[in-house]
Amino acid sequence: MAQPGAKLLLKAMLSSALLLAGLRAPADEGMWLYNHPPRELIRERYGFELTDAWLDHLQKASVRFGGASAEFVSEDGLVLSNHHVARVRSRS
């Protein structure tokens, strides 16, 4: 049986490792709402103009899978989402 102090130390080490991993790999994309997109940032960083028509199309292509989200990316019904969403839904 593990010592109580050893469990606490292990939890602290794992928490620190997760925190440091997050600091080393910051996400570039971020999260934003359709009604307040980072238009200037996208244009400056990627040279892509977020038009109202494009955002409207993107919003209408969004779907929900239970508590998760995804987007239709083709006329044939191809859906783009995070891997954990697809893994859970493929088991259903």
N, C-alpha and C. Protein backbone atom coordinates (compact mmCIF):
# COMPACT_ATOMS: atom_id res chain seq x y z
N MET A 1 0.85 -1.17 0.00
CA MET A 1 0.00 0.00 0.00
C MET A 1 0.90 1.24 0.00
N ALA A 2 0.57 2.21 -0.84
CA ALA A 2 1.37 3.42 -0.96
C ALA A 2 1.19 4.33 0.25
N GLN A 3 2.24 5.02 0.60
CA GLN A 3 2.21 5.98 1.68
C GLN A 3 1.35 7.18 1.29
N PRO A 4 0.61 7.79 2.22
CA PRO A 4 -0.20 8.97 1.89
C PRO A 4 0.64 10.10 1.31
N GLY A 5 1.84 10.30 1.83
CA GLY A 5 2.72 11.34 1.32
C GLY A 5 3.17 11.06 -0.11
N ALA A 6 3.35 9.79 -0.45
CA ALA A 6 3.78 9.41 -1.81
C ALA A 6 2.67 9.70 -2.81
N LYS A 7 1.42 9.45 -2.42
CA LYS A 7 0.29 9.74 -3.31
C LYS A 7 0.18 11.24 -3.56
N LEU A 8 0.35 12.02 -2.52
CA LEU A 8 0.29 13.47 -2.65
C LEU A 8 1.41 13.98 -3.55
N LEU A 9 2.62 13.44 -3.37
CA LEU A 9 3.75 13.82 -4.20
C LEU A 9 3.51 13.46 -5.66
N LEU A 10 2.97 12.28 -5.90
CA LEU A 10 2.67 11.84 -7.26
C LEU A 10 1.63 12.74 -7.91
N LYS A 11 0.59 13.10 -7.17
CA LYS A 11 -0.43 14.01 -7.70
C LYS A 11 0.17 15.37 -8.03
N ALA A 12 1.04 15.87 -7.16
CA ALA A 12 1.67 17.17 -7.40
C ALA A 12 2.57 17.12 -8.63
N MET A 13 3.30 16.01 -8.81
CA MET A 13 4.18 15.87 -9.97
C MET A 13 3.38 15.79 -11.26
N LEU A 14 2.29 15.03 -11.25
CA LEU A 14 1.45 14.92 -12.44
C LEU A 14 0.78 16.25 -12.78
N SER A 15 0.30 16.96 -11.77
CA SER A 15 -0.31 18.27 -12.00
C SER A 15 0.71 19.24 -12.59
N SER A 16 1.92 19.23 -12.06
CA SER A 16 2.97 20.11 -12.57
C SER A 16 3.32 19.76 -14.01
N ALA A 17 3.40 18.47 -14.32
CA ALA A 17 3.73 18.05 -15.68
C ALA A 17 2.65 18.50 -16.66
N LEU A 18 1.39 18.37 -16.28
CA LEU A 18 0.30 18.82 -17.15
C LEU A 18 0.32 20.33 -17.34
N LEU A 19 0.59 21.05 -16.29
CA LEU A 19 0.66 22.50 -16.38
C LEU A 19 1.80 22.93 -17.29
N LEU A 20 2.96 22.34 -17.12
CA LEU A 20 4.11 22.69 -17.95
C LEU A 20 3.90 22.28 -19.40
N ALA A 21 3.25 21.17 -19.64
CA ALA A 21 2.97 20.74 -21.02
C ALA A 21 2.07 21.76 -21.71
N GLY A 22 1.11 22.29 -20.99
CA GLY A 22 0.23 23.30 -21.55
C GLY A 22 0.95 24.60 -21.85
N LEU A 23 1.93 24.95 -21.05
CA LEU A 23 2.69 26.16 -21.29
C LEU A 23 3.63 26.03 -22.48
N ARG A 24 4.10 24.83 -22.74
CA ARG A 24 5.03 24.61 -23.85
C ARG A 24 4.35 24.59 -25.20
N ALA A 25 3.08 24.24 -25.23
CA ALA A 25 2.37 24.08 -26.50
C ALA A 25 1.10 24.93 -26.52
N PRO A 26 1.25 26.25 -26.60
CA PRO A 26 0.05 27.08 -26.61
C PRO A 26 -0.73 26.92 -27.91
N ALA A 27 -2.03 26.91 -27.82
CA ALA A 27 -2.86 26.80 -29.01
C ALA A 27 -2.88 28.13 -29.74
N ASP A 28 -2.83 28.09 -31.04
CA ASP A 28 -2.84 29.29 -31.84
C ASP A 28 -4.25 29.70 -32.22
N GLU A 29 -5.13 28.72 -32.37
CA GLU A 29 -6.44 29.01 -32.92
C GLU A 29 -7.38 29.70 -31.93
N GLY A 30 -7.33 29.33 -30.67
CA GLY A 30 -8.20 29.94 -29.68
C GLY A 30 -9.67 29.60 -29.91
N MET A 31 -10.52 30.26 -29.18
CA MET A 31 -11.96 30.08 -29.32
C MET A 31 -12.59 31.45 -29.49
N TRP A 32 -13.59 31.56 -30.35
CA TRP A 32 -14.26 32.83 -30.57
C TRP A 32 -15.68 32.59 -31.02
N LEU A 33 -16.52 33.58 -30.81
CA LEU A 33 -17.92 33.51 -31.20
C LEU A 33 -18.11 34.01 -32.62
N TYR A 34 -19.15 33.55 -33.27
CA TYR A 34 -19.43 33.99 -34.64
C TYR A 34 -19.73 35.48 -34.70
N ASN A 35 -20.28 36.02 -33.65
CA ASN A 35 -20.64 37.45 -33.67
C ASN A 35 -19.48 38.36 -33.26
N HIS A 36 -18.33 37.79 -32.92
CA HIS A 36 -17.16 38.60 -32.56
C HIS A 36 -15.86 37.88 -32.93
N PRO A 37 -15.65 37.61 -34.22
CA PRO A 37 -14.44 36.88 -34.64
C PRO A 37 -13.22 37.81 -34.64
N PRO A 38 -12.02 37.24 -34.53
CA PRO A 38 -10.80 38.05 -34.55
C PRO A 38 -10.39 38.38 -36.00
N ARG A 39 -11.18 39.21 -36.67
CA ARG A 39 -10.96 39.51 -38.10
C ARG A 39 -9.57 40.05 -38.39
N GLU A 40 -9.14 41.02 -37.59
CA GLU A 40 -7.82 41.63 -37.83
C GLU A 40 -6.70 40.61 -37.63
N LEU A 41 -6.77 39.83 -36.57
CA LEU A 41 -5.75 38.83 -36.28
C LEU A 41 -5.65 37.81 -37.40
N ILE A 42 -6.78 37.30 -37.86
CA ILE A 42 -6.79 36.30 -38.95
C ILE A 42 -6.22 36.91 -40.23
N ARG A 43 -6.61 38.14 -40.53
CA ARG A 43 -6.11 38.78 -41.75
C ARG A 43 -4.60 39.02 -41.67
N GLU A 44 -4.13 39.53 -40.54
CA GLU A 44 -2.70 39.81 -40.39
C GLU A 44 -1.86 38.55 -40.35
N ARG A 45 -2.31 37.55 -39.62
CA ARG A 45 -1.51 36.34 -39.42
C ARG A 45 -1.57 35.39 -40.61
N TYR A 46 -2.75 35.26 -41.23
CA TYR A 46 -2.93 34.24 -42.27
C TYR A 46 -3.29 34.80 -43.64
N GLY A 47 -3.53 36.10 -43.72
CA GLY A 47 -3.88 36.70 -45.01
C GLY A 47 -5.25 36.27 -45.52
N PHE A 48 -6.15 35.94 -44.61
CA PHE A 48 -7.49 35.48 -44.97
C PHE A 48 -8.51 36.47 -44.44
N GLU A 49 -9.41 36.90 -45.29
CA GLU A 49 -10.44 37.86 -44.90
C GLU A 49 -11.70 37.12 -44.46
N LEU A 50 -12.08 37.28 -43.20
CA LEU A 50 -13.31 36.68 -42.69
C LEU A 50 -14.48 37.56 -43.10
N THR A 51 -15.19 37.16 -44.13
CA THR A 51 -16.35 37.94 -44.58
C THR A 51 -17.59 37.49 -43.83
N ASP A 52 -18.62 38.34 -43.81
CA ASP A 52 -19.88 37.96 -43.18
C ASP A 52 -20.49 36.74 -43.86
N ALA A 53 -20.38 36.67 -45.18
CA ALA A 53 -20.93 35.53 -45.92
C ALA A 53 -20.22 34.23 -45.54
N TRP A 54 -18.90 34.29 -45.41
CA TRP A 54 -18.13 33.09 -45.04
C TRP A 54 -18.49 32.65 -43.62
N LEU A 55 -18.61 33.58 -42.69
CA LEU A 55 -18.97 33.25 -41.31
C LEU A 55 -20.39 32.69 -41.23
N ASP A 56 -21.31 33.23 -42.02
CA ASP A 56 -22.68 32.73 -42.06
C ASP A 56 -22.70 31.28 -42.56
N HIS A 57 -21.92 31.01 -43.60
CA HIS A 57 -21.81 29.64 -44.14
C HIS A 57 -21.23 28.70 -43.08
N LEU A 58 -20.18 29.16 -42.39
CA LEU A 58 -19.55 28.35 -41.35
C LEU A 58 -20.52 28.04 -40.21
N GLN A 59 -21.29 29.03 -39.81
CA GLN A 59 -22.25 28.84 -38.72
C GLN A 59 -23.33 27.83 -39.12
N LYS A 60 -23.80 27.89 -40.35
CA LYS A 60 -24.83 26.96 -40.80
C LYS A 60 -24.29 25.55 -41.00
N ALA A 61 -22.97 25.42 -41.12
CA ALA A 61 -22.36 24.10 -41.29
C ALA A 61 -22.04 23.43 -39.95
N SER A 62 -22.26 24.13 -38.85
CA SER A 62 -21.95 23.59 -37.53
C SER A 62 -23.05 22.66 -37.04
N VAL A 63 -22.63 21.58 -36.40
CA VAL A 63 -23.58 20.60 -35.84
C VAL A 63 -23.15 20.26 -34.42
N ARG A 64 -24.08 19.70 -33.67
CA ARG A 64 -23.78 19.25 -32.32
C ARG A 64 -23.95 17.75 -32.23
N PHE A 65 -22.97 17.11 -31.58
CA PHE A 65 -23.02 15.69 -31.28
C PHE A 65 -23.10 15.56 -29.78
N GLY A 66 -24.30 15.46 -29.26
CA GLY A 66 -24.44 15.43 -27.80
C GLY A 66 -23.96 16.74 -27.22
N GLY A 67 -22.93 16.71 -26.41
CA GLY A 67 -22.39 17.92 -25.81
C GLY A 67 -21.19 18.48 -26.55
N ALA A 68 -20.89 17.95 -27.74
CA ALA A 68 -19.72 18.39 -28.50
C ALA A 68 -20.15 19.03 -29.82
N SER A 69 -19.20 19.63 -30.50
CA SER A 69 -19.53 20.28 -31.77
C SER A 69 -18.66 19.75 -32.89
N ALA A 70 -19.12 20.00 -34.12
CA ALA A 70 -18.40 19.60 -35.33
C ALA A 70 -18.88 20.48 -36.46
N GLU A 71 -18.26 20.33 -37.63
CA GLU A 71 -18.64 21.11 -38.80
C GLU A 71 -18.72 20.19 -40.01
N PHE A 72 -19.72 20.44 -40.87
CA PHE A 72 -19.75 19.78 -42.16
C PHE A 72 -18.70 20.44 -43.03
N VAL A 73 -17.86 19.64 -43.69
CA VAL A 73 -16.80 20.21 -44.52
C VAL A 73 -16.90 19.76 -45.98
N SER A 74 -17.92 18.98 -46.32
CA SER A 74 -18.11 18.59 -47.72
C SER A 74 -19.60 18.39 -48.01
N GLU A 75 -19.93 18.43 -49.28
CA GLU A 75 -21.32 18.20 -49.68
C GLU A 75 -21.75 16.76 -49.43
N ASP A 76 -20.78 15.85 -49.28
CA ASP A 76 -21.07 14.44 -49.06
C ASP A 76 -21.31 14.10 -47.60
N GLY A 77 -21.25 15.10 -46.73
CA GLY A 77 -21.53 14.86 -45.32
C GLY A 77 -20.31 14.60 -44.46
N LEU A 78 -19.09 14.86 -44.99
CA LEU A 78 -17.89 14.70 -44.18
C LEU A 78 -17.93 15.70 -43.04
N VAL A 79 -17.68 15.23 -41.83
CA VAL A 79 -17.76 16.07 -40.64
C VAL A 79 -16.38 16.17 -40.02
N LEU A 80 -15.99 17.37 -39.61
CA LEU A 80 -14.72 17.62 -38.95
C LEU A 80 -14.99 17.92 -37.49
N SER A 81 -14.27 17.21 -36.61
CA SER A 81 -14.42 17.45 -35.17
C SER A 81 -13.14 17.00 -34.48
N ASN A 82 -13.12 17.06 -33.17
CA ASN A 82 -11.98 16.57 -32.40
C ASN A 82 -12.01 15.05 -32.34
N HIS A 83 -10.84 14.45 -32.21
CA HIS A 83 -10.75 12.98 -32.21
C HIS A 83 -11.54 12.33 -31.10
N HIS A 84 -11.60 12.95 -29.92
CA HIS A 84 -12.33 12.32 -28.82
C HIS A 84 -13.84 12.31 -29.08
N VAL A 85 -14.34 13.26 -29.83
CA VAL A 85 -15.77 13.28 -30.19
C VAL A 85 -16.07 12.14 -31.15
N ALA A 86 -15.23 11.99 -32.16
CA ALA A 86 -15.43 10.93 -33.14
C ALA A 86 -15.30 9.55 -32.51
N ARG A 87 -14.36 9.39 -31.60
CA ARG A 87 -14.15 8.09 -30.96
C ARG A 87 -15.38 7.71 -30.14
N VAL A 88 -15.92 8.63 -29.36
CA VAL A 88 -17.09 8.34 -28.53
C VAL A 88 -18.29 8.06 -29.40
N ARG A 89 -18.52 8.86 -30.44
CA ARG A 89 -19.69 8.70 -31.29
C ARG A 89 -19.62 7.44 -32.14
N SER A 90 -18.43 6.99 -32.51
CA SER A 90 -18.33 5.78 -33.32
C SER A 90 -18.70 4.53 -32.52
N ARG A 91 -18.63 4.63 -31.21
CA ARG A 91 -19.00 3.49 -30.34
C ARG A 91 -20.50 3.43 -30.11
N SER A 92 -21.20 4.53 -30.36
CA SER A 92 -22.64 4.60 -30.07
C SER A 92 -23.44 3.81 -31.07
